């Protein structure tokens, strides 16, 4: 299975946010308000459960929900980026030139 740019960008975004979040014991559904449950993407809820299991004793409930909301925003932005159609020849607007010292 090949990894696409979109999948890579999505996994990097989620991995960057995941260590910063913590979920209180009891899970997302037990503590979240109904409005938060409908607006939070399923990916963010799943990551929230993982974070709760791993780092559950380090954040308050309000801090946890703020982090889950942030993760939800990252997931939604990643979905928006995934909607941009790229051709096979599309490249960044810059050319990478490694620094080789003063000439």
PDB file of N, CA and C in Angstrom:
ATOM      1  N   UNK A   1       0.843  -1.170   0.000  1.00  0.00           N
ATOM      2  CA  UNK A   1       0.000   0.000   0.000  1.00  0.00           C
ATOM      3  C   UNK A   1       0.890   1.236   0.000  1.00  0.00           C
ATOM      4  N   UNK A   2       0.633   2.170  -0.896  1.00  0.00           N
ATOM      5  CA  UNK A   2       1.422   3.389  -0.964  1.00  0.00           C
ATOM      6  C   UNK A   2       0.785   4.468  -0.107  1.00  0.00           C
ATOM      7  N   UNK A   3       1.614   5.347   0.396  1.00  0.00           N
ATOM      8  CA  UNK A   3       1.164   6.447   1.235  1.00  0.00           C
ATOM      9  C   UNK A   3       1.068   7.699   0.376  1.00  0.00           C
ATOM     10  N   UNK A   4      -0.120   8.284   0.318  1.00  0.00           N
ATOM     11  CA  UNK A   4      -0.310   9.489  -0.483  1.00  0.00           C
ATOM     12  C   UNK A   4       0.106  10.715   0.323  1.00  0.00           C
ATOM     13  N   UNK A   5       0.255  11.830  -0.367  1.00  0.00           N
ATOM     14  CA  UNK A   5       0.595  13.085   0.317  1.00  0.00           C
ATOM     15  C   UNK A   5      -0.479  13.464   1.323  1.00  0.00           C
ATOM     16  N   UNK A   6      -1.709  13.259   0.948  1.00  0.00           N
ATOM     17  CA  UNK A   6      -2.810  13.625   1.840  1.00  0.00           C
ATOM     18  C   UNK A   6      -2.814  12.769   3.101  1.00  0.00           C
ATOM     19  N   UNK A   7      -2.595  11.466   2.928  1.00  0.00           N
ATOM     20  CA  UNK A   7      -2.545  10.587   4.093  1.00  0.00           C
ATOM     21  C   UNK A   7      -1.368  10.947   4.994  1.00  0.00           C
ATOM     22  N   UNK A   8      -0.236  11.254   4.384  1.00  0.00           N
ATOM     23  CA  UNK A   8       0.941  11.646   5.159  1.00  0.00           C
ATOM     24  C   UNK A   8       0.673  12.936   5.923  1.00  0.00           C
ATOM     25  N   UNK A   9       0.104  13.950   5.255  1.00  0.00           N
ATOM     26  CA  UNK A   9      -0.187  15.222   5.912  1.00  0.00           C
ATOM     27  C   UNK A   9      -1.172  15.029   7.057  1.00  0.00           C
ATOM     28  N   UNK A  10      -2.171  14.204   6.849  1.00  0.00           N
ATOM     29  CA  UNK A  10      -3.160  13.935   7.892  1.00  0.00           C
ATOM     30  C   UNK A  10      -2.500  13.254   9.088  1.00  0.00           C
ATOM     31  N   UNK A  11      -1.647  12.265   8.832  1.00  0.00           N
ATOM     32  CA  UNK A  11      -1.014  11.549   9.943  1.00  0.00           C
ATOM     33  C   UNK A  11      -0.024  12.437  10.685  1.00  0.00           C
ATOM     34  N   UNK A  12       0.676  13.323   9.979  1.00  0.00           N
ATOM     35  CA  UNK A  12       1.604  14.240  10.641  1.00  0.00           C
ATOM     36  C   UNK A  12       0.842  15.230  11.511  1.00  0.00           C
ATOM     37  N   UNK A  13      -0.260  15.749  11.003  1.00  0.00           N
ATOM     38  CA  UNK A  13      -1.059  16.705  11.787  1.00  0.00           C
ATOM     39  C   UNK A  13      -1.607  16.059  13.046  1.00  0.00           C
ATOM     40  N   UNK A  14      -2.104  14.871  12.921  1.00  0.00           N
ATOM     41  CA  UNK A  14      -2.666  14.180  14.078  1.00  0.00           C
ATOM     42  C   UNK A  14      -1.562  13.798  15.056  1.00  0.00           C
ATOM     43  N   UNK A  15      -0.430  13.340  14.548  1.00  0.00           N
ATOM     44  CA  UNK A  15       0.676  12.960  15.423  1.00  0.00           C
ATOM     45  C   UNK A  15       1.253  14.162  16.162  1.00  0.00           C
ATOM     46  N   UNK A  16       1.215  15.326  15.541  1.00  0.00           N
ATOM     47  CA  UNK A  16       1.751  16.521  16.189  1.00  0.00           C
ATOM     48  C   UNK A  16       0.881  16.956  17.362  1.00  0.00           C
ATOM     49  N   UNK A  17      -0.406  16.738  17.273  1.00  0.00           N
ATOM     50  CA  UNK A  17      -1.328  17.194  18.310  1.00  0.00           C
ATOM     51  C   UNK A  17      -1.533  16.132  19.386  1.00  0.00           C
ATOM     52  N   UNK A  18      -1.443  14.881  19.046  1.00  0.00           N
ATOM     53  CA  UNK A  18      -1.785  13.798  19.960  1.00  0.00           C
ATOM     54  C   UNK A  18      -1.020  13.822  21.285  1.00  0.00           C
ATOM     55  N   UNK A  19       0.282  14.055  21.332  1.00  0.00           N
ATOM     56  CA  UNK A  19       0.974  14.030  22.630  1.00  0.00           C
ATOM     57  C   UNK A  19       0.571  15.160  23.562  1.00  0.00           C
ATOM     58  N   UNK A  20      -0.069  16.189  23.058  1.00  0.00           N
ATOM     59  CA  UNK A  20      -0.428  17.338  23.880  1.00  0.00           C
ATOM     60  C   UNK A  20      -1.775  17.183  24.568  1.00  0.00           C
ATOM     61  N   UNK A  21      -2.497  16.151  24.250  1.00  0.00           N
ATOM     62  CA  UNK A  21      -3.873  16.029  24.730  1.00  0.00           C
ATOM     63  C   UNK A  21      -4.006  14.950  25.798  1.00  0.00           C
ATOM     64  N   UNK A  22      -5.001  15.138  26.658  1.00  0.00           N
ATOM     65  CA  UNK A  22      -5.320  14.162  27.702  1.00  0.00           C
ATOM     66  C   UNK A  22      -6.831  14.123  27.883  1.00  0.00           C
ATOM     67  N   UNK A  23      -7.364  12.939  28.129  1.00  0.00           N
ATOM     68  CA  UNK A  23      -8.802  12.763  28.314  1.00  0.00           C
ATOM     69  C   UNK A  23      -9.056  12.316  29.748  1.00  0.00           C
ATOM     70  N   UNK A  24     -10.066  12.868  30.422  1.00  0.00           N
ATOM     71  CA  UNK A  24     -10.381  12.418  31.772  1.00  0.00           C
ATOM     72  C   UNK A  24     -10.932  10.996  31.764  1.00  0.00           C
ATOM     73  N   UNK A  25     -10.794  10.334  32.901  1.00  0.00           N
ATOM     74  CA  UNK A  25     -11.321   8.972  33.006  1.00  0.00           C
ATOM     75  C   UNK A  25     -12.825   8.987  32.768  1.00  0.00           C
ATOM     76  N   UNK A  26     -13.320   7.996  32.096  1.00  0.00           N
ATOM     77  CA  UNK A  26     -14.745   7.923  31.813  1.00  0.00           C
ATOM     78  C   UNK A  26     -15.048   8.082  30.346  1.00  0.00           C
ATOM     79  N   UNK A  27     -14.092   8.542  29.568  1.00  0.00           N
ATOM     80  CA  UNK A  27     -14.281   8.618  28.128  1.00  0.00           C
ATOM     81  C   UNK A  27     -14.873   9.915  27.652  1.00  0.00           C
ATOM     82  N   UNK A  28     -14.818  10.087  26.369  1.00  0.00           N
ATOM     83  CA  UNK A  28     -15.320  11.298  25.727  1.00  0.00           C
ATOM     84  C   UNK A  28     -16.832  11.398  25.815  1.00  0.00           C
ATOM     85  N   UNK A  29     -17.536  10.329  25.493  1.00  0.00           N
ATOM     86  CA  UNK A  29     -18.978  10.388  25.426  1.00  0.00           C
ATOM     87  C   UNK A  29     -19.587  10.626  26.810  1.00  0.00           C
ATOM     88  N   UNK A  30     -18.938  10.133  27.856  1.00  0.00           N
ATOM     89  CA  UNK A  30     -19.482  10.297  29.194  1.00  0.00           C
ATOM     90  C   UNK A  30     -19.377  11.737  29.678  1.00  0.00           C
ATOM     91  N   UNK A  31     -18.374  12.478  29.234  1.00  0.00           N
ATOM     92  CA  UNK A  31     -18.134  13.819  29.751  1.00  0.00           C
ATOM     93  C   UNK A  31     -18.517  14.934  28.781  1.00  0.00           C
ATOM     94  N   UNK A  32     -18.621  14.650  27.511  1.00  0.00           N
ATOM     95  CA  UNK A  32     -18.831  15.704  26.518  1.00  0.00           C
ATOM     96  C   UNK A  32     -20.279  16.161  26.493  1.00  0.00           C
ATOM     97  N   UNK A  33     -20.442  17.427  26.185  1.00  0.00           N
ATOM     98  CA  UNK A  33     -21.782  17.972  25.987  1.00  0.00           C
ATOM     99  C   UNK A  33     -22.317  17.473  24.655  1.00  0.00           C
ATOM    100  N   UNK A  34     -23.641  17.382  24.482  1.00  0.00           N
ATOM    101  CA  UNK A  34     -24.194  16.879  23.216  1.00  0.00           C
ATOM    102  C   UNK A  34     -23.751  17.696  22.013  1.00  0.00           C
ATOM    103  N   UNK A  35     -23.603  19.010  22.169  1.00  0.00           N
ATOM    104  CA  UNK A  35     -23.180  19.843  21.041  1.00  0.00           C
ATOM    105  C   UNK A  35     -21.758  19.495  20.626  1.00  0.00           C
ATOM    106  N   UNK A  36     -20.909  19.191  21.613  1.00  0.00           N
ATOM    107  CA  UNK A  36     -19.536  18.840  21.284  1.00  0.00           C
ATOM    108  C   UNK A  36     -19.478  17.501  20.556  1.00  0.00           C
ATOM    109  N   UNK A  37     -20.320  16.564  20.926  1.00  0.00           N
ATOM    110  CA  UNK A  37     -20.294  15.264  20.286  1.00  0.00           C
ATOM    111  C   UNK A  37     -20.681  15.353  18.819  1.00  0.00           C
ATOM    112  N   UNK A  38     -21.614  16.202  18.481  1.00  0.00           N
ATOM    113  CA  UNK A  38     -22.046  16.282  17.094  1.00  0.00           C
ATOM    114  C   UNK A  38     -21.034  17.030  16.235  1.00  0.00           C
ATOM    115  N   UNK A  39     -20.276  17.957  16.816  1.00  0.00           N
ATOM    116  CA  UNK A  39     -19.323  18.734  16.053  1.00  0.00           C
ATOM    117  C   UNK A  39     -17.958  18.082  15.989  1.00  0.00           C
ATOM    118  N   UNK A  40     -17.644  17.192  16.896  1.00  0.00           N
ATOM    119  CA  UNK A  40     -16.337  16.558  16.940  1.00  0.00           C
ATOM    120  C   UNK A  40     -16.300  15.389  15.963  1.00  0.00           C
ATOM    121  N   UNK A  41     -15.328  15.406  15.031  1.00  0.00           N
ATOM    122  CA  UNK A  41     -15.232  14.286  14.086  1.00  0.00           C
ATOM    123  C   UNK A  41     -14.904  12.974  14.806  1.00  0.00           C
ATOM    124  N   UNK A  42     -15.316  11.862  14.254  1.00  0.00           N
ATOM    125  CA  UNK A  42     -15.050  10.568  14.894  1.00  0.00           C
ATOM    126  C   UNK A  42     -13.555  10.300  15.095  1.00  0.00           C
ATOM    127  N   UNK A  43     -12.722  10.801  14.177  1.00  0.00           N
ATOM    128  CA  UNK A  43     -11.276  10.608  14.317  1.00  0.00           C
ATOM    129  C   UNK A  43     -10.767  11.305  15.575  1.00  0.00           C
ATOM    130  N   UNK A  44     -11.283  12.508  15.842  1.00  0.00           N
ATOM    131  CA  UNK A  44     -10.856  13.252  17.027  1.00  0.00           C
ATOM    132  C   UNK A  44     -11.320  12.552  18.300  1.00  0.00           C
ATOM    133  N   UNK A  45     -12.544  11.991  18.277  1.00  0.00           N
ATOM    134  CA  UNK A  45     -13.018  11.256  19.444  1.00  0.00           C
ATOM    135  C   UNK A  45     -12.166  10.017  19.696  1.00  0.00           C
ATOM    136  N   UNK A  46     -11.803   9.319  18.634  1.00  0.00           N
ATOM    137  CA  UNK A  46     -10.973   8.121  18.785  1.00  0.00           C
ATOM    138  C   UNK A  46      -9.592   8.492  19.338  1.00  0.00           C
ATOM    139  N   UNK A  47      -9.009   9.551  18.817  1.00  0.00           N
ATOM    140  CA  UNK A  47      -7.720   9.993  19.349  1.00  0.00           C
ATOM    141  C   UNK A  47      -7.857  10.454  20.793  1.00  0.00           C
ATOM    142  N   UNK A  48      -8.970  11.097  21.110  1.00  0.00           N
ATOM    143  CA  UNK A  48      -9.214  11.512  22.485  1.00  0.00           C
ATOM    144  C   UNK A  48      -9.257  10.337  23.437  1.00  0.00           C
ATOM    145  N   UNK A  49      -9.881   9.265  23.028  1.00  0.00           N
ATOM    146  CA  UNK A  49      -9.916   8.061  23.867  1.00  0.00           C
ATOM    147  C   UNK A  49      -8.519   7.483  24.060  1.00  0.00           C
ATOM    148  N   UNK A  50      -7.725   7.482  23.011  1.00  0.00           N
ATOM    149  CA  UNK A  50      -6.347   6.987  23.128  1.00  0.00           C
ATOM    150  C   UNK A  50      -5.547   7.872  24.073  1.00  0.00           C
ATOM    151  N   UNK A  51      -5.721   9.183  23.934  1.00  0.00           N
ATOM    152  CA  UNK A  51      -5.000  10.124  24.786  1.00  0.00           C
ATOM    153  C   UNK A  51      -5.440   9.976  26.239  1.00  0.00           C
ATOM    154  N   UNK A  52      -6.743   9.781  26.448  1.00  0.00           N
ATOM    155  CA  UNK A  52      -7.236   9.571  27.811  1.00  0.00           C
ATOM    156  C   UNK A  52      -6.604   8.339  28.433  1.00  0.00           C
ATOM    157  N   UNK A  53      -6.515   7.274  27.653  1.00  0.00           N
ATOM    158  CA  UNK A  53      -5.931   6.044  28.179  1.00  0.00           C
ATOM    159  C   UNK A  53      -4.443   6.216  28.482  1.00  0.00           C
ATOM    160  N   UNK A  54      -3.770   6.984  27.674  1.00  0.00           N
ATOM    161  CA  UNK A  54      -2.317   7.126  27.825  1.00  0.00           C
ATOM    162  C   UNK A  54      -1.930   8.214  28.818  1.00  0.00           C
ATOM    163  N   UNK A  55      -2.617   9.360  28.793  1.00  0.00           N
ATOM    164  CA  UNK A  55      -2.227  10.524  29.588  1.00  0.00           C
ATOM    165  C   UNK A  55      -3.378  11.040  30.457  1.00  0.00           C
ATOM    166  N   UNK A  56      -4.295  10.198  30.847  1.00  0.00           N
ATOM    167  CA  UNK A  56      -5.519  10.611  31.511  1.00  0.00           C
ATOM    168  C   UNK A  56      -5.368  11.364  32.813  1.00  0.00           C
ATOM    169  N   UNK A  57      -4.236  11.265  33.476  1.00  0.00           N
ATOM    170  CA  UNK A  57      -4.094  11.897  34.785  1.00  0.00           C
ATOM    171  C   UNK A  57      -3.437  13.273  34.746  1.00  0.00           C
ATOM    172  N   UNK A  58      -3.216  13.841  33.575  1.00  0.00           N
ATOM    173  CA  UNK A  58      -2.439  15.083  33.487  1.00  0.00           C
ATOM    174  C   UNK A  58      -3.218  16.334  33.134  1.00  0.00           C
ATOM    175  N   UNK A  59      -4.453  16.221  32.661  1.00  0.00           N
ATOM    176  CA  UNK A  59      -5.245  17.396  32.285  1.00  0.00           C
ATOM    177  C   UNK A  59      -6.602  17.373  32.971  1.00  0.00           C
ATOM    178  N   UNK A  60      -7.144  18.558  33.162  1.00  0.00           N
ATOM    179  CA  UNK A  60      -8.506  18.658  33.677  1.00  0.00           C
ATOM    180  C   UNK A  60      -9.477  18.363  32.534  1.00  0.00           C
ATOM    181  N   UNK A  61     -10.745  18.244  32.863  1.00  0.00           N
ATOM    182  CA  UNK A  61     -11.753  17.959  31.841  1.00  0.00           C
ATOM    183  C   UNK A  61     -11.833  19.095  30.821  1.00  0.00           C
ATOM    184  N   UNK A  62     -11.774  20.338  31.288  1.00  0.00           N
ATOM    185  CA  UNK A  62     -11.840  21.478  30.363  1.00  0.00           C
ATOM    186  C   UNK A  62     -10.636  21.508  29.433  1.00  0.00           C
ATOM    187  N   UNK A  63      -9.458  21.227  29.976  1.00  0.00           N
ATOM    188  CA  UNK A  63      -8.263  21.191  29.134  1.00  0.00           C
ATOM    189  C   UNK A  63      -8.372  20.073  28.102  1.00  0.00           C
ATOM    190  N   UNK A  64      -8.877  18.930  28.532  1.00  0.00           N
ATOM    191  CA  UNK A  64      -9.024  17.818  27.613  1.00  0.00           C
ATOM    192  C   UNK A  64      -9.960  18.161  26.461  1.00  0.00           C
ATOM    193  N   UNK A  65     -11.118  18.756  26.775  1.00  0.00           N
ATOM    194  CA  UNK A  65     -12.064  19.081  25.723  1.00  0.00           C
ATOM    195  C   UNK A  65     -11.523  20.152  24.791  1.00  0.00           C
ATOM    196  N   UNK A  66     -10.714  21.056  25.313  1.00  0.00           N
ATOM    197  CA  UNK A  66     -10.070  22.054  24.450  1.00  0.00           C
ATOM    198  C   UNK A  66      -9.120  21.366  23.478  1.00  0.00           C
ATOM    199  N   UNK A  67      -8.393  20.380  23.957  1.00  0.00           N
ATOM    200  CA  UNK A  67      -7.455  19.651  23.087  1.00  0.00           C
ATOM    201  C   UNK A  67      -8.223  18.836  22.053  1.00  0.00           C
ATOM    202  N   UNK A  68      -9.294  18.180  22.462  1.00  0.00           N
ATOM    203  CA  UNK A  68     -10.088  17.393  21.514  1.00  0.00           C
ATOM    204  C   UNK A  68     -10.700  18.304  20.449  1.00  0.00           C
ATOM    205  N   UNK A  69     -11.145  19.496  20.860  1.00  0.00           N
ATOM    206  CA  UNK A  69     -11.659  20.450  19.873  1.00  0.00           C
ATOM    207  C   UNK A  69     -10.564  20.858  18.897  1.00  0.00           C
ATOM    208  N   UNK A  70      -9.339  21.065  19.407  1.00  0.00           N
ATOM    209  CA  UNK A  70      -8.217  21.404  18.529  1.00  0.00           C
ATOM    210  C   UNK A  70      -7.924  20.259  17.555  1.00  0.00           C
ATOM    211  N   UNK A  71      -7.962  19.041  18.055  1.00  0.00           N
ATOM    212  CA  UNK A  71      -7.741  17.894  17.178  1.00  0.00           C
ATOM    213  C   UNK A  71      -8.835  17.836  16.114  1.00  0.00           C
ATOM    214  N   UNK A  72     -10.073  18.114  16.516  1.00  0.00           N
ATOM    215  CA  UNK A  72     -11.175  18.140  15.560  1.00  0.00           C
ATOM    216  C   UNK A  72     -10.933  19.175  14.472  1.00  0.00           C
ATOM    217  N   UNK A  73     -10.397  20.344  14.842  1.00  0.00           N
ATOM    218  CA  UNK A  73     -10.064  21.361  13.847  1.00  0.00           C
ATOM    219  C   UNK A  73      -8.986  20.896  12.884  1.00  0.00           C
ATOM    220  N   UNK A  74      -7.991  20.196  13.423  1.00  0.00           N
ATOM    221  CA  UNK A  74      -6.927  19.664  12.565  1.00  0.00           C
ATOM    222  C   UNK A  74      -7.502  18.639  11.594  1.00  0.00           C
ATOM    223  N   UNK A  75      -8.376  17.772  12.082  1.00  0.00           N
ATOM    224  CA  UNK A  75      -8.986  16.763  11.219  1.00  0.00           C
ATOM    225  C   UNK A  75      -9.820  17.434  10.123  1.00  0.00           C
ATOM    226  N   UNK A  76     -10.580  18.468  10.483  1.00  0.00           N
ATOM    227  CA  UNK A  76     -11.390  19.159   9.483  1.00  0.00           C
ATOM    228  C   UNK A  76     -10.521  19.882   8.455  1.00  0.00           C
ATOM    229  N   UNK A  77      -9.424  20.516   8.905  1.00  0.00           N
ATOM    230  CA  UNK A  77      -8.527  21.181   7.950  1.00  0.00           C
ATOM    231  C   UNK A  77      -7.838  20.167   7.047  1.00  0.00           C
ATOM    232  N   UNK A  78      -7.496  19.011   7.602  1.00  0.00           N
ATOM    233  CA  UNK A  78      -6.882  17.965   6.777  1.00  0.00           C
ATOM    234  C   UNK A  78      -7.867  17.480   5.714  1.00  0.00           C
ATOM    235  N   UNK A  79      -9.144  17.390   6.078  1.00  0.00           N
ATOM    236  CA  UNK A  79     -10.155  16.987   5.100  1.00  0.00           C
ATOM    237  C   UNK A  79     -10.286  18.044   4.003  1.00  0.00           C
ATOM    238  N   UNK A  80     -10.208  19.325   4.385  1.00  0.00           N
ATOM    239  CA  UNK A  80     -10.267  20.391   3.385  1.00  0.00           C
ATOM    240  C   UNK A  80      -9.055  20.333   2.456  1.00  0.00           C
ATOM    241  N   UNK A  81      -7.878  20.073   3.025  1.00  0.00           N
ATOM    242  CA  UNK A  81      -6.684  19.946   2.180  1.00  0.00           C
ATOM    243  C   UNK A  81      -6.809  18.754   1.241  1.00  0.00           C
ATOM    244  N   UNK A  82      -7.447  17.688   1.723  1.00  0.00           N
ATOM    245  CA  UNK A  82      -7.625  16.511   0.892  1.00  0.00           C
ATOM    246  C   UNK A  82      -8.546  16.728  -0.291  1.00  0.00           C
ATOM    247  N   UNK A  83      -9.365  17.767  -0.240  1.00  0.00           N
ATOM    248  CA  UNK A  83     -10.271  18.056  -1.342  1.00  0.00           C
ATOM    249  C   UNK A  83      -9.581  18.782  -2.493  1.00  0.00           C
ATOM    250  N   UNK A  84      -8.381  19.306  -2.244  1.00  0.00           N
ATOM    251  CA  UNK A  84      -7.641  19.995  -3.300  1.00  0.00           C
ATOM    252  C   UNK A  84      -7.063  18.948  -4.238  1.00  0.00           C
ATOM    253  N   UNK A  85      -7.393  19.062  -5.503  1.00  0.00           N
ATOM    254  CA  UNK A  85      -6.925  18.088  -6.486  1.00  0.00           C
ATOM    255  C   UNK A  85      -5.529  18.482  -6.974  1.00  0.00           C
ATOM    256  N   UNK A  86      -4.609  17.553  -6.880  1.00  0.00           N
ATOM    257  CA  UNK A  86      -3.241  17.762  -7.344  1.00  0.00           C
ATOM    258  C   UNK A  86      -2.957  16.857  -8.522  1.00  0.00           C
ATOM    259  N   UNK A  87      -2.273  17.414  -9.507  1.00  0.00           N
ATOM    260  CA  UNK A  87      -1.821  16.605 -10.633  1.00  0.00           C
ATOM    261  C   UNK A  87      -0.508  15.920 -10.238  1.00  0.00           C
ATOM    262  N   UNK A  88      -0.137  14.923 -10.982  1.00  0.00           N
ATOM    263  CA  UNK A  88       1.073  14.183 -10.673  1.00  0.00           C
ATOM    264  C   UNK A  88       2.314  15.072 -10.734  1.00  0.00           C
ATOM    265  N   UNK A  89       2.305  16.096 -11.579  1.00  0.00           N
ATOM    266  CA  UNK A  89       3.474  16.953 -11.736  1.00  0.00           C
ATOM    267  C   UNK A  89       3.477  18.179 -10.849  1.00  0.00           C
ATOM    268  N   UNK A  90       2.485  18.345  -9.972  1.00  0.00           N
ATOM    269  CA  UNK A  90       2.451  19.516  -9.099  1.00  0.00           C
ATOM    270  C   UNK A  90       3.609  19.460  -8.105  1.00  0.00           C
ATOM    271  N   UNK A  91       4.260  20.608  -7.939  1.00  0.00           N
ATOM    272  CA  UNK A  91       5.396  20.700  -7.030  1.00  0.00           C
ATOM    273  C   UNK A  91       5.255  21.943  -6.174  1.00  0.00           C
ATOM    274  N   UNK A  92       6.048  22.040  -5.117  1.00  0.00           N
ATOM    275  CA  UNK A  92       6.017  23.249  -4.291  1.00  0.00           C
ATOM    276  C   UNK A  92       6.500  24.467  -5.080  1.00  0.00           C
ATOM    277  N   UNK A  93       6.245  25.656  -4.541  1.00  0.00           N
ATOM    278  CA  UNK A  93       6.635  26.891  -5.211  1.00  0.00           C
ATOM    279  C   UNK A  93       8.098  27.258  -4.983  1.00  0.00           C
ATOM    280  N   UNK A  94       8.863  26.405  -4.390  1.00  0.00           N
ATOM    281  CA  UNK A  94      10.266  26.713  -4.142  1.00  0.00           C
ATOM    282  C   UNK A  94      11.122  25.538  -4.596  1.00  0.00           C
ATOM    283  N   UNK A  95      12.386  25.826  -4.830  1.00  0.00           N
ATOM    284  CA  UNK A  95      13.343  24.772  -5.182  1.00  0.00           C
ATOM    285  C   UNK A  95      14.285  24.588  -3.999  1.00  0.00           C
ATOM    286  N   UNK A  96      14.439  23.376  -3.525  1.00  0.00           N
ATOM    287  CA  UNK A  96      15.325  23.096  -2.405  1.00  0.00           C
ATOM    288  C   UNK A  96      16.768  23.083  -2.887  1.00  0.00           C
ATOM    289  N   UNK A  97      17.587  23.864  -2.243  1.00  0.00           N
ATOM    290  CA  UNK A  97      19.017  23.891  -2.522  1.00  0.00           C
ATOM    291  C   UNK A  97      19.740  23.765  -1.179  1.00  0.00           C
ATOM    292  N   UNK A  98      20.392  22.649  -0.943  1.00  0.00           N
ATOM    293  CA  UNK A  98      21.072  22.473   0.349  1.00  0.00           C
ATOM    294  C   UNK A  98      22.220  23.458   0.502  1.00  0.00           C
ATOM    295  N   UNK A  99      22.452  23.911   1.722  1.00  0.00           N
ATOM    296  CA  UNK A  99      23.532  24.825   2.004  1.00  0.00           C
ATOM    297  C   UNK A  99      24.847  24.061   1.949  1.00  0.00           C
ATOM    298  N   UNK A 100      25.792  24.553   1.204  1.00  0.00           N
ATOM    299  CA  UNK A 100      27.075  23.873   1.048  1.00  0.00           C
ATOM    300  C   UNK A 100      28.217  24.728   1.574  1.00  0.00           C
ATOM    301  N   UNK A 101      27.908  25.705   2.370  1.00  0.00           N
ATOM    302  CA  UNK A 101      28.933  26.564   2.939  1.00  0.00           C
ATOM    303  C   UNK A 101      29.215  27.760   2.037  1.00  0.00           C
ATOM    304  N   UNK A 102      30.020  28.684   2.531  1.00  0.00           N
ATOM    305  CA  UNK A 102      30.331  29.869   1.708  1.00  0.00           C
ATOM    306  C   UNK A 102      31.150  29.472   0.493  1.00  0.00           C
ATOM    307  N   UNK A 103      30.922  30.168  -0.591  1.00  0.00           N
ATOM    308  CA  UNK A 103      31.654  29.860  -1.829  1.00  0.00           C
ATOM    309  C   UNK A 103      32.747  30.838  -2.073  1.00  0.00           C
TER     310      UNK A 103
END
